[in-house]
C-alpha cells in the first residue's frame, strides 16, 4: 500500500486525530457532556477515522496488531447510524487514552513514505 492513496488515507486519519485533540484540549468531562458542539465534532472525526481505517489494507493493519481496527470501524458504524445511542463514557475514554496508540501507528506508517 505504498502509494499516494495509502498516504492520503493515513494523512486524513492523522488530521482527524489532531482535530479531536484540538476539540477537546483543556475540556473537562462536564464541559464535554454539556457541549453538543464538541460531542458532535468529536463523533464526526471518529466517523471519518473509522471510514478511512476501513480502507486500509490488511497488510497495513497487520503491522499494528495492538490497534483494534475492527472496533474502530465498528464505532464508525454505530456513530453513523445511531449517534444518539452512543455512550458518552465510551467516547470520553476513547478521547483520553485510546487515540494515542492509533496516532503513533499512523505517524509511524507515514514515516515509511519518507524513507522510500
Protein backbone atom coordinates (compact mmCIF):
# COMPACT_ATOMS: atom_id res chain seq x y z
CA UNK A 1 0.00 0.00 0.00
CA UNK A 2 2.95 2.29 -0.64
CA UNK A 3 1.16 4.66 -2.93
CA UNK A 4 -0.47 8.05 -2.97
CA UNK A 5 -3.80 6.62 -1.87
CA UNK A 6 -2.35 4.99 1.25
CA UNK A 7 -0.51 8.14 2.17
CA UNK A 8 -3.68 10.20 1.64
CA UNK A 9 -5.76 7.86 3.82
CA UNK A 10 -3.20 7.92 6.62
CA UNK A 11 -2.80 11.69 6.35
CA UNK A 12 -6.55 12.21 6.65
CA UNK A 13 -6.74 9.88 9.67
CA UNK A 14 -3.96 11.88 11.30
CA UNK A 15 -5.74 15.16 10.62
CA UNK A 16 -8.92 13.87 12.24
CA UNK A 17 -6.99 12.66 15.28
CA UNK A 18 -5.35 16.08 15.57
CA UNK A 19 -8.79 17.69 15.27
CA UNK A 20 -10.14 15.55 18.11
CA UNK A 21 -7.23 16.64 20.27
CA UNK A 22 -7.92 20.29 19.39
CA UNK A 23 -11.67 19.96 20.03
CA UNK A 24 -11.05 18.53 23.50
CA UNK A 25 -7.94 20.40 24.62
CA UNK A 26 -8.43 21.52 28.21
CA UNK A 27 -12.06 20.35 28.11
CA UNK A 28 -13.35 18.78 31.30
CA UNK A 29 -15.73 15.86 31.33
CA UNK A 30 -18.51 18.18 32.45
CA UNK A 31 -17.82 20.56 29.56
CA UNK A 32 -17.78 17.64 27.14
CA UNK A 33 -21.09 16.30 28.47
CA UNK A 34 -22.78 19.69 28.21
CA UNK A 35 -21.50 20.66 24.76
CA UNK A 36 -23.32 19.14 21.83
CA UNK A 37 -20.93 21.03 19.57
CA UNK A 38 -17.85 19.29 20.98
CA UNK A 39 -19.55 15.88 21.09
CA UNK A 40 -20.73 16.15 17.50
CA UNK A 41 -17.34 17.40 16.29
CA UNK A 42 -15.56 14.52 18.01
CA UNK A 43 -18.06 11.96 16.73
CA UNK A 44 -17.77 13.26 13.16
CA UNK A 45 -14.00 12.90 13.34
CA UNK A 46 -14.37 9.38 14.79
CA UNK A 47 -16.70 8.52 11.92
CA UNK A 48 -14.06 9.76 9.49
CA UNK A 49 -11.32 7.78 11.22
CA UNK A 50 -13.44 4.63 11.09
CA UNK A 51 -14.35 5.10 7.45
CA UNK A 52 -10.76 5.73 6.47
CA UNK A 53 -9.46 2.85 8.59
CA UNK A 54 -11.79 0.54 6.73
CA UNK A 55 -9.96 1.46 3.53
CA UNK A 56 -6.52 0.50 4.86
CA UNK A 57 -5.15 -2.79 3.55
CA UNK A 58 -4.91 -5.85 5.76
CA UNK A 59 -1.13 -5.59 5.32
CA UNK A 60 -1.03 -2.18 6.98
CA UNK A 61 -3.36 -3.28 9.77
CA UNK A 62 -1.29 -6.40 10.38
CA UNK A 63 1.77 -4.27 11.12
CA UNK A 64 -0.11 -2.80 14.09
CA UNK A 65 -1.92 -5.71 15.77
CA UNK A 66 -2.39 -3.78 19.02
CA UNK A 67 -4.70 -1.34 17.24
CA UNK A 68 -8.33 -2.53 17.46
CA UNK A 69 -9.11 -1.93 13.78
CA UNK A 70 -12.44 -3.78 13.84
CA UNK A 71 -13.57 -1.75 16.85
CA UNK A 72 -12.61 1.49 15.12
CA UNK A 73 -14.73 0.59 12.11
CA UNK A 74 -17.49 -0.68 14.41
CA UNK A 75 -17.56 2.60 16.29
CA UNK A 76 -17.88 4.39 12.95
CA UNK A 77 -20.91 2.27 12.11
CA UNK A 78 -22.54 2.92 15.48
CA UNK A 79 -21.81 6.64 15.34
CA UNK A 80 -23.06 7.00 11.77
CA UNK A 81 -26.26 5.01 12.30
CA UNK A 82 -27.07 5.60 15.94
CA UNK A 83 -25.36 8.79 17.10
CA UNK A 84 -27.86 9.41 19.89
CA UNK A 85 -27.30 5.93 21.29
CA UNK A 86 -23.54 6.43 21.78
CA UNK A 87 -22.34 6.13 25.33
CA UNK A 88 -20.54 9.36 26.34
CA UNK A 89 -18.40 7.34 28.78
CA UNK A 90 -17.02 5.28 25.91
CA UNK A 91 -16.34 8.34 23.76
CA UNK A 92 -14.62 10.09 26.68
CA UNK A 93 -12.46 7.00 27.31
CA UNK A 94 -11.51 6.87 23.64
CA UNK A 95 -10.59 10.56 23.62
CA UNK A 96 -8.47 10.28 26.74
CA UNK A 97 -6.28 7.30 26.08
CA UNK A 98 -7.20 5.16 23.16
CA UNK A 99 -6.34 7.56 20.36
CA UNK A 100 -2.64 7.92 21.22
CA UNK A 101 -1.62 4.42 20.08
CA UNK A 102 -3.54 4.88 16.83
CA UNK A 103 -1.92 8.24 16.21
CA UNK A 104 1.53 6.75 16.91
CA UNK A 105 0.87 3.91 14.43
CA UNK A 106 -0.38 6.33 11.76
CA UNK A 107 2.64 8.60 12.22
CA UNK A 108 5.00 5.61 12.02
CA UNK A 109 3.34 4.36 8.86
CA UNK A 110 3.55 7.83 7.31
CA UNK A 111 7.26 7.94 8.14
CA UNK A 112 7.76 4.89 5.95
CA UNK A 113 6.85 7.03 2.93
CA UNK A 114 9.71 9.42 3.63
CA UNK A 115 12.24 6.58 3.78
CA UNK A 116 11.38 5.00 0.43
